[in-house]
Amino acid sequence: MITSPSRLVPVPIPDRVAALIGSCLPLHVLQAEVDADCAAREAYRFRAPLCAEDMADREHALSVLARANKVLAKHHPQLPVTP
């Protein structure tokens, strides 16, 4: 008996397939997806110990991520991006 792994392996999709999927989503949801992805990467960039300026930048990235995740969650509950 073959069991599936508990974690799925991300598989890259061709650009044409991504464009087709994107054409089915509203523009504000696509923009929120891009914003959430960029904000999550930005939040990961900061490591402790943080100076005051880095802390403020990290908090800004997390607020952008939260704002984008609200839009994504409203469209579909499984779309939000985790930091």
N, C-alpha and C. Protein backbone atom coordinates (compact mmCIF):
# COMPACT_ATOMS: atom_id res chain seq x y z
N MET A 1 0.84 -1.17 0.00
CA MET A 1 0.00 0.00 0.00
C MET A 1 0.90 1.25 0.00
N ILE A 2 0.59 2.19 -0.85
CA ILE A 2 1.35 3.43 -0.96
C ILE A 2 0.59 4.52 -0.23
N THR A 3 1.30 5.20 0.64
CA THR A 3 0.67 6.31 1.35
C THR A 3 1.24 7.61 0.82
N SER A 4 0.44 8.62 0.81
CA SER A 4 0.90 9.92 0.32
C SER A 4 1.66 10.63 1.44
N PRO A 5 2.64 11.44 1.07
CA PRO A 5 3.38 12.18 2.10
C PRO A 5 2.49 13.24 2.75
N SER A 6 2.80 13.57 3.98
CA SER A 6 1.97 14.55 4.68
C SER A 6 2.16 15.95 4.12
N ARG A 7 3.35 16.23 3.57
CA ARG A 7 3.60 17.54 2.98
C ARG A 7 3.69 17.40 1.47
N LEU A 8 3.02 18.28 0.78
CA LEU A 8 3.05 18.25 -0.67
C LEU A 8 4.30 18.96 -1.17
N VAL A 9 4.86 18.45 -2.24
CA VAL A 9 6.04 19.05 -2.85
C VAL A 9 5.56 20.08 -3.86
N PRO A 10 6.04 21.33 -3.76
CA PRO A 10 5.61 22.33 -4.73
C PRO A 10 6.16 21.99 -6.12
N VAL A 11 5.29 22.03 -7.09
CA VAL A 11 5.66 21.73 -8.47
C VAL A 11 5.50 22.99 -9.29
N PRO A 12 6.54 23.41 -10.02
CA PRO A 12 6.39 24.61 -10.85
C PRO A 12 5.38 24.37 -11.97
N ILE A 13 4.62 25.42 -12.27
CA ILE A 13 3.65 25.30 -13.35
C ILE A 13 4.10 26.18 -14.50
N PRO A 14 3.79 25.78 -15.72
CA PRO A 14 4.18 26.59 -16.88
C PRO A 14 3.51 27.97 -16.85
N ASP A 15 4.16 28.92 -17.50
CA ASP A 15 3.65 30.30 -17.53
C ASP A 15 2.26 30.38 -18.15
N ARG A 16 2.01 29.59 -19.17
CA ARG A 16 0.68 29.63 -19.81
C ARG A 16 -0.41 29.17 -18.86
N VAL A 17 -0.11 28.16 -18.05
CA VAL A 17 -1.10 27.67 -17.08
C VAL A 17 -1.32 28.73 -16.00
N ALA A 18 -0.24 29.36 -15.55
CA ALA A 18 -0.37 30.42 -14.55
C ALA A 18 -1.19 31.58 -15.10
N ALA A 19 -0.98 31.93 -16.37
CA ALA A 19 -1.75 33.01 -17.00
C ALA A 19 -3.23 32.63 -17.10
N LEU A 20 -3.51 31.37 -17.40
CA LEU A 20 -4.90 30.91 -17.49
C LEU A 20 -5.57 30.97 -16.13
N ILE A 21 -4.86 30.54 -15.09
CA ILE A 21 -5.41 30.61 -13.74
C ILE A 21 -5.63 32.07 -13.35
N GLY A 22 -4.65 32.92 -13.65
CA GLY A 22 -4.76 34.34 -13.33
C GLY A 22 -5.90 35.02 -14.05
N SER A 23 -6.22 34.58 -15.25
CA SER A 23 -7.31 35.21 -15.99
C SER A 23 -8.67 34.90 -15.38
N CYS A 24 -8.74 33.89 -14.54
CA CYS A 24 -10.00 33.52 -13.90
C CYS A 24 -10.23 34.26 -12.58
N LEU A 25 -9.20 34.94 -12.09
CA LEU A 25 -9.31 35.66 -10.82
C LEU A 25 -9.50 37.15 -11.07
N PRO A 26 -10.23 37.81 -10.18
CA PRO A 26 -10.36 39.27 -10.29
C PRO A 26 -9.00 39.95 -10.11
N LEU A 27 -8.85 41.11 -10.69
CA LEU A 27 -7.58 41.82 -10.67
C LEU A 27 -7.13 42.17 -9.25
N HIS A 28 -8.06 42.57 -8.39
CA HIS A 28 -7.67 42.93 -7.02
C HIS A 28 -7.17 41.72 -6.23
N VAL A 29 -7.64 40.53 -6.55
CA VAL A 29 -7.17 39.32 -5.89
C VAL A 29 -5.76 38.97 -6.38
N LEU A 30 -5.52 39.13 -7.67
CA LEU A 30 -4.17 38.90 -8.20
C LEU A 30 -3.17 39.88 -7.60
N GLN A 31 -3.56 41.14 -7.48
CA GLN A 31 -2.68 42.13 -6.88
C GLN A 31 -2.41 41.81 -5.41
N ALA A 32 -3.44 41.35 -4.70
CA ALA A 32 -3.26 40.97 -3.30
C ALA A 32 -2.32 39.78 -3.17
N GLU A 33 -2.39 38.86 -4.11
CA GLU A 33 -1.49 37.70 -4.08
C GLU A 33 -0.03 38.13 -4.26
N VAL A 34 0.20 39.04 -5.19
CA VAL A 34 1.56 39.55 -5.42
C VAL A 34 2.04 40.32 -4.20
N ASP A 35 1.16 41.17 -3.64
CA ASP A 35 1.53 41.95 -2.46
C ASP A 35 1.85 41.05 -1.27
N ALA A 36 1.05 40.00 -1.07
CA ALA A 36 1.28 39.08 0.04
C ALA A 36 2.59 38.33 -0.11
N ASP A 37 2.88 37.89 -1.31
CA ASP A 37 4.12 37.16 -1.55
C ASP A 37 5.34 38.06 -1.31
N CYS A 38 5.30 39.27 -1.82
CA CYS A 38 6.41 40.21 -1.63
C CYS A 38 6.57 40.59 -0.16
N ALA A 39 5.46 40.81 0.53
CA ALA A 39 5.53 41.19 1.95
C ALA A 39 6.06 40.03 2.80
N ALA A 40 5.69 38.80 2.47
CA ALA A 40 6.19 37.65 3.22
C ALA A 40 7.70 37.52 3.04
N ARG A 41 8.17 37.71 1.82
CA ARG A 41 9.62 37.67 1.57
C ARG A 41 10.33 38.78 2.32
N GLU A 42 9.74 39.95 2.34
CA GLU A 42 10.34 41.09 3.04
C GLU A 42 10.40 40.83 4.55
N ALA A 43 9.35 40.24 5.11
CA ALA A 43 9.33 39.96 6.55
C ALA A 43 10.37 38.90 6.91
N TYR A 44 10.60 37.93 6.03
CA TYR A 44 11.62 36.89 6.28
C TYR A 44 13.03 37.46 6.24
N ARG A 45 13.20 38.56 5.56
CA ARG A 45 14.53 39.13 5.36
C ARG A 45 15.16 39.62 6.66
N PHE A 46 14.36 40.00 7.62
CA PHE A 46 14.86 40.57 8.87
C PHE A 46 15.12 39.48 9.89
N ARG A 47 16.30 39.53 10.49
CA ARG A 47 16.70 38.58 11.54
C ARG A 47 17.08 39.35 12.80
N ALA A 48 16.91 38.73 13.93
CA ALA A 48 17.26 39.37 15.21
C ALA A 48 18.77 39.44 15.36
N PRO A 49 19.29 40.37 16.05
CA PRO A 49 18.66 41.51 16.72
C PRO A 49 18.35 42.61 15.71
N LEU A 50 17.23 43.25 15.91
CA LEU A 50 16.76 44.29 14.98
C LEU A 50 16.95 45.67 15.59
N CYS A 51 17.41 46.59 14.77
CA CYS A 51 17.44 47.99 15.22
C CYS A 51 16.03 48.55 15.05
N ALA A 52 15.81 49.76 15.50
CA ALA A 52 14.48 50.36 15.46
C ALA A 52 13.96 50.51 14.03
N GLU A 53 14.84 50.88 13.11
CA GLU A 53 14.43 51.06 11.72
C GLU A 53 14.04 49.72 11.09
N ASP A 54 14.83 48.67 11.35
CA ASP A 54 14.50 47.34 10.82
C ASP A 54 13.19 46.81 11.41
N MET A 55 12.97 47.09 12.70
CA MET A 55 11.73 46.67 13.34
C MET A 55 10.53 47.33 12.68
N ALA A 56 10.68 48.61 12.38
CA ALA A 56 9.59 49.35 11.73
C ALA A 56 9.34 48.82 10.32
N ASP A 57 10.41 48.51 9.59
CA ASP A 57 10.25 47.96 8.25
C ASP A 57 9.59 46.58 8.28
N ARG A 58 9.97 45.76 9.26
CA ARG A 58 9.38 44.43 9.39
C ARG A 58 7.89 44.54 9.74
N GLU A 59 7.55 45.44 10.65
CA GLU A 59 6.15 45.64 11.02
C GLU A 59 5.33 46.15 9.83
N HIS A 60 5.94 47.01 9.01
CA HIS A 60 5.24 47.49 7.81
C HIS A 60 4.99 46.32 6.86
N ALA A 61 5.99 45.47 6.66
CA ALA A 61 5.83 44.30 5.77
C ALA A 61 4.74 43.38 6.30
N LEU A 62 4.70 43.19 7.61
CA LEU A 62 3.66 42.32 8.19
C LEU A 62 2.27 42.94 8.07
N SER A 63 2.18 44.26 8.13
CA SER A 63 0.87 44.90 7.97
C SER A 63 0.39 44.81 6.52
N VAL A 64 1.33 44.95 5.57
CA VAL A 64 0.97 44.77 4.16
C VAL A 64 0.51 43.34 3.91
N LEU A 65 1.21 42.39 4.52
CA LEU A 65 0.84 40.98 4.39
C LEU A 65 -0.55 40.73 4.96
N ALA A 66 -0.84 41.30 6.12
CA ALA A 66 -2.15 41.11 6.74
C ALA A 66 -3.26 41.71 5.88
N ARG A 67 -3.01 42.89 5.32
CA ARG A 67 -4.00 43.54 4.47
C ARG A 67 -4.27 42.71 3.21
N ALA A 68 -3.21 42.19 2.60
CA ALA A 68 -3.37 41.37 1.40
C ALA A 68 -4.06 40.05 1.74
N ASN A 69 -3.74 39.48 2.89
CA ASN A 69 -4.36 38.22 3.29
C ASN A 69 -5.86 38.37 3.54
N LYS A 70 -6.29 39.54 3.98
CA LYS A 70 -7.73 39.77 4.16
C LYS A 70 -8.45 39.66 2.83
N VAL A 71 -7.87 40.24 1.80
CA VAL A 71 -8.48 40.17 0.46
C VAL A 71 -8.48 38.74 -0.04
N LEU A 72 -7.35 38.05 0.15
CA LEU A 72 -7.25 36.67 -0.33
C LEU A 72 -8.21 35.74 0.41
N ALA A 73 -8.31 35.91 1.73
CA ALA A 73 -9.20 35.05 2.52
C ALA A 73 -10.67 35.32 2.18
N LYS A 74 -10.98 36.55 1.83
CA LYS A 74 -12.35 36.86 1.45
C LYS A 74 -12.71 36.15 0.14
N HIS A 75 -11.73 36.03 -0.75
CA HIS A 75 -11.98 35.36 -2.03
C HIS A 75 -12.03 33.84 -1.85
N HIS A 76 -11.07 33.28 -1.11
CA HIS A 76 -11.04 31.84 -0.85
C HIS A 76 -10.26 31.60 0.44
N PRO A 77 -10.78 30.78 1.37
CA PRO A 77 -10.12 30.60 2.66
C PRO A 77 -8.73 29.98 2.62
N GLN A 78 -8.35 29.32 1.55
CA GLN A 78 -7.05 28.68 1.49
C GLN A 78 -6.00 29.51 0.75
N LEU A 79 -6.32 30.70 0.35
CA LEU A 79 -5.37 31.53 -0.39
C LEU A 79 -4.38 32.33 0.45
N PRO A 80 -4.68 32.68 1.71
CA PRO A 80 -3.74 33.53 2.46
C PRO A 80 -2.32 32.94 2.53
N VAL A 81 -1.37 33.85 2.54
CA VAL A 81 0.06 33.52 2.58
C VAL A 81 0.54 33.64 4.01
N THR A 82 1.31 32.66 4.48
CA THR A 82 1.84 32.73 5.84
C THR A 82 3.24 33.30 5.82
N PRO A 83 3.60 34.11 6.84
CA PRO A 83 4.96 34.69 6.86
C PRO A 83 5.99 33.66 7.29
